[in-house]
Protein backbone atom coordinates (compact mmCIF):
# COMPACT_ATOMS: atom_id res chain seq x y z
CA MET A 1 115.35 167.38 181.40
CA LYS A 2 115.02 165.90 177.86
CA LYS A 3 111.36 165.61 178.14
CA ILE A 4 111.13 169.36 179.33
CA LYS A 5 113.47 170.76 176.59
CA ASP A 6 111.55 168.45 173.94
CA ILE A 7 108.04 170.15 175.08
CA PHE A 8 109.61 173.68 175.11
CA TRP A 9 110.48 173.06 171.28
CA LEU A 10 107.23 171.90 170.51
CA LEU A 11 105.39 174.60 172.05
CA PHE A 12 107.95 177.31 170.62
CA TRP A 13 107.64 175.90 166.92
CA GLY A 14 103.72 175.63 167.79
CA ILE A 15 103.24 179.11 168.55
CA ILE A 16 105.40 180.30 165.29
CA GLY A 17 103.57 177.88 163.28
CA GLY A 18 100.22 178.89 164.48
CA ALA A 19 100.95 182.37 164.21
CA PHE A 20 102.52 181.83 160.73
CA PHE A 21 98.89 180.29 159.62
CA VAL A 22 96.70 182.71 161.29
CA GLY A 23 98.61 185.48 159.73
CA CYS A 24 98.41 183.57 156.20
CA ILE A 25 94.66 183.23 156.75
CA LEU A 26 93.81 186.57 157.71
CA GLY A 27 95.93 188.21 154.97
CA PHE A 28 94.61 185.79 152.13
CA GLY A 29 91.16 186.49 153.41
CA TYR A 30 91.55 190.44 153.05
CA LEU A 31 93.04 190.00 149.65
CA VAL A 32 90.04 187.91 148.78
CA ASN A 33 87.49 190.27 150.00
CA ASN A 34 89.72 193.57 148.47
CA ALA A 35 91.47 192.16 145.49
CA GLY A 36 89.39 194.64 143.27
CA LYS A 37 90.29 197.71 145.45
CA LEU A 38 94.04 196.92 145.83
CA PHE A 39 94.82 196.03 142.47
CA HIS A 40 92.14 198.43 140.56
CA PHE A 41 90.51 195.14 138.48
CA ARG A 42 87.07 196.03 137.60
CA SER A 43 86.54 193.14 135.53
CA GLY A 44 83.72 190.41 136.89
CA VAL A 45 86.17 187.74 135.27
CA PHE A 46 88.78 188.41 137.64
CA SER A 47 86.44 188.94 140.89
CA SER A 48 84.90 185.67 140.04
CA ILE A 49 88.66 183.91 139.86
CA ALA A 50 90.04 185.77 142.71
CA GLY A 51 88.71 183.72 145.28
CA PRO A 52 89.83 180.58 143.88
CA LEU A 53 92.84 181.41 142.83
CA VAL A 54 94.03 183.01 146.15
CA LEU A 55 92.29 180.01 148.17
CA SER A 56 94.95 177.82 146.10
CA LEU A 57 97.60 179.94 146.93
CA LEU A 58 96.89 179.88 150.54
CA ALA A 59 96.62 176.19 150.10
CA GLY A 60 100.46 176.28 148.75
CA VAL A 61 101.60 178.53 151.34
CA ILE A 62 100.42 176.30 154.00
CA PHE A 63 101.44 173.04 152.79
CA GLY A 64 104.90 174.38 151.65
CA ALA A 65 105.34 176.26 155.47
CA THR A 66 104.08 172.78 157.15
CA HIS A 67 106.97 170.96 155.44
CA ILE A 68 109.26 173.61 156.47
CA ILE A 69 108.69 173.91 159.80
CA SER A 70 108.33 169.84 159.81
CA LYS A 71 111.90 170.15 158.73
CA VAL A 72 113.15 172.54 161.13
CA TRP A 73 111.55 170.83 163.96
CA ASN A 74 113.17 167.51 162.71
CA ARG A 75 116.70 169.27 163.04
CA PHE A 76 115.91 170.50 166.59
CA SER A 77 114.22 167.14 167.86
CA LYS A 78 116.71 163.96 167.80
CA GLY A 79 113.53 161.90 167.66
CA TYR A 80 114.42 158.21 168.49
CA TRP A 81 118.03 158.09 167.43
CA GLU A 82 119.67 158.38 170.45
CA GLN A 83 117.53 155.29 172.13
CA ALA A 84 116.98 153.07 169.04
CA PRO A 85 120.94 152.21 168.84
CA LEU A 86 119.82 150.63 172.55
CA LEU A 87 117.13 148.67 171.19
CA PHE A 88 118.08 147.51 168.12
CA SER A 89 121.33 145.69 166.56
CA LYS A 90 123.97 147.44 163.98
CA GLU A 91 122.51 145.35 161.33
CA GLU A 92 119.02 146.30 162.29
CA MET A 93 119.89 149.90 162.61
CA ASP A 94 121.75 150.30 159.31
CA ALA A 95 118.78 148.58 157.63
CA ILE A 96 116.05 151.01 159.62
CA SER A 97 117.94 154.02 159.10
CA ARG A 98 118.28 153.57 155.36
CA HIS A 99 114.49 152.66 154.47
CA PRO A 100 112.71 155.72 153.90
CA LEU A 101 109.48 155.01 156.34
CA THR A 102 111.39 153.81 158.99
CA ALA A 103 114.00 156.31 159.04
CA ALA A 104 110.67 158.80 159.32
CA ILE A 105 109.71 156.89 162.62
CA LEU A 106 113.27 157.64 163.81
CA ASN A 107 112.93 160.93 163.07
CA LYS A 108 109.50 161.07 164.93
CA ASN A 109 108.82 162.95 162.06
CA ASP A 110 104.76 162.35 161.15
CA TRP A 111 104.37 164.56 158.26
CA GLU A 112 107.35 162.62 156.45
CA LEU A 113 105.92 159.33 157.65
CA MET A 114 102.54 160.31 156.10
CA GLY A 115 104.28 161.50 152.94
CA CYS A 116 105.71 158.04 152.59
CA MET A 117 102.20 156.15 152.67
CA GLY A 118 100.48 158.79 151.23
CA LEU A 119 98.23 160.28 153.34
CA GLN A 120 99.30 163.96 152.60
CA LYS A 121 96.61 163.64 149.49
CA THR A 122 93.36 165.09 149.93
CA ARG A 123 91.98 162.29 148.02
CA ILE A 124 93.19 158.54 148.64
CA THR A 125 92.89 156.23 145.29
CA ALA A 126 93.02 152.47 145.47
CA ARG A 127 96.20 152.54 143.82
CA ASP A 128 97.54 154.58 146.92
CA LYS A 129 95.76 152.51 149.45
CA ASP A 130 97.49 149.34 147.67
CA ARG A 131 100.87 150.96 147.59
CA GLY A 132 100.52 151.80 151.34
CA LYS A 133 99.21 148.41 152.50
CA LYS A 134 102.35 146.76 150.72
CA LEU A 135 104.75 149.80 152.43
CA ALA A 136 103.31 149.05 155.40
CA ASN A 137 103.49 145.10 155.53
CA GLU A 138 106.97 145.49 154.06
CA VAL A 139 109.70 143.43 155.86
CA ILE A 140 112.78 145.50 156.49
CA VAL A 141 114.90 143.67 158.60
CA ASN A 142 115.05 140.09 160.52
CA GLY A 143 111.29 139.83 159.78
CA LYS A 144 110.83 142.97 161.47
CA THR A 145 108.08 145.40 159.54
CA ALA A 146 107.65 148.93 160.35
CA LEU A 147 104.66 148.26 162.69
CA HIS A 148 107.43 146.02 164.86
CA ILE A 149 109.92 148.97 164.52
CA ALA A 150 107.49 151.50 165.64
CA ALA A 151 106.18 149.57 168.60
CA ILE A 152 109.62 148.99 169.84
CA LEU A 153 110.13 152.70 169.89
CA GLY A 154 106.28 153.66 171.30
CA ALA A 155 105.82 155.79 168.27
CA LYS A 156 101.90 155.63 168.77
CA SER A 157 101.24 158.14 166.02
CA ALA A 158 103.61 156.07 163.74
CA CYS A 159 101.34 152.97 164.67
CA GLU A 160 98.31 154.73 163.80
CA SER A 161 98.99 155.63 160.42
CA LEU A 162 100.46 152.20 159.94
CA LEU A 163 97.33 150.28 160.91
CA TYR A 164 95.36 152.91 158.62
CA PHE A 165 97.01 151.23 155.98
CA TRP A 166 96.45 147.62 157.28
CA ALA A 167 99.34 146.73 158.85
CA ASP A 168 99.10 143.34 159.95
CA PRO A 169 99.32 143.40 163.76
CA PHE A 170 99.76 139.58 164.07
CA CYS A 171 102.79 139.73 162.31
CA LYS A 172 105.52 138.02 163.52
CA ASP A 173 109.42 138.62 162.88
CA LYS A 174 112.26 135.98 162.58
CA TYR A 175 112.05 135.26 166.30
CA GLY A 176 108.30 134.78 166.56
CA ARG A 177 107.17 138.03 168.01
CA THR A 178 104.66 140.59 167.17
CA PRO A 179 104.35 144.36 167.29
CA LEU A 180 102.27 143.55 170.68
CA ASP A 181 104.68 141.49 172.27
CA TYR A 182 107.19 144.18 171.90
CA ALA A 183 104.75 146.93 173.15
CA VAL A 184 104.50 145.16 176.38
CA GLU A 185 108.05 144.22 176.81
CA HIS A 186 109.19 147.72 176.69
CA HIS A 187 106.12 148.98 178.87
CA HIS A 188 104.51 151.22 176.07
CA GLU A 189 100.88 151.22 177.50
CA GLU A 190 99.30 153.52 174.52
CA VAL A 191 100.70 151.51 171.85
CA ILE A 192 99.72 148.43 173.99
CA LYS A 193 96.20 149.50 173.60
CA LEU A 194 96.13 150.76 170.02
CA LEU A 195 97.58 147.54 169.36
CA GLU A 196 95.17 145.30 171.40
CA LYS A 197 92.00 146.91 169.52
CA ALA A 198 93.53 146.66 166.16
CA THR A 199 93.95 142.82 166.70
CA ARG A 200 90.65 142.66 168.27
CA LYS A 201 89.03 144.24 165.20
CA THR A 202 91.10 141.99 163.12
CA LYS A 203 89.68 139.04 164.65
CA ARG A 204 86.03 140.26 164.04
CA LYS A 205 86.75 140.77 160.43
CA LYS A 206 88.15 137.32 160.26
């Protein structure tokens, strides 16, 4: 029943978000094509900057709206907060819920996770990559990294983002277990395939 409810809300906010973005694109497109007529500007200078200006505004509106929709979805979706206490100890839950990266994973909020990793930028610099790699491999609690936590929860998209920033799939927690070990234990088939592929690629590079 919970899955049906989640799918319903996902479809609902998907339709709302899609309609909003289509409306924005059509509206701003009309402004670009008819800016001079609407605002009675005859200046060639205005007509030359109208397009880039309106497109910049459109990008800002879409970015802001995506962020707001993400927050609204986060309020309606409980993410992994219900199942996480069954999978982690109280000590681990305290640490995981306080860390911005793992809190985003618990929220099942990919937009928030991408913000932590720096993936919202159109151009990722070498400094961004270094920061993302360090964050992706940071020990959160009991030797577990964010990849361990995402694998335990079965958060495939979070695992993909972490692996993009070279999260180490061979990293072991204090119990000597890798993210793949946990994914297998909890029967997360899609995460297992993803981590097996990541381990094969890492072995080839070595």
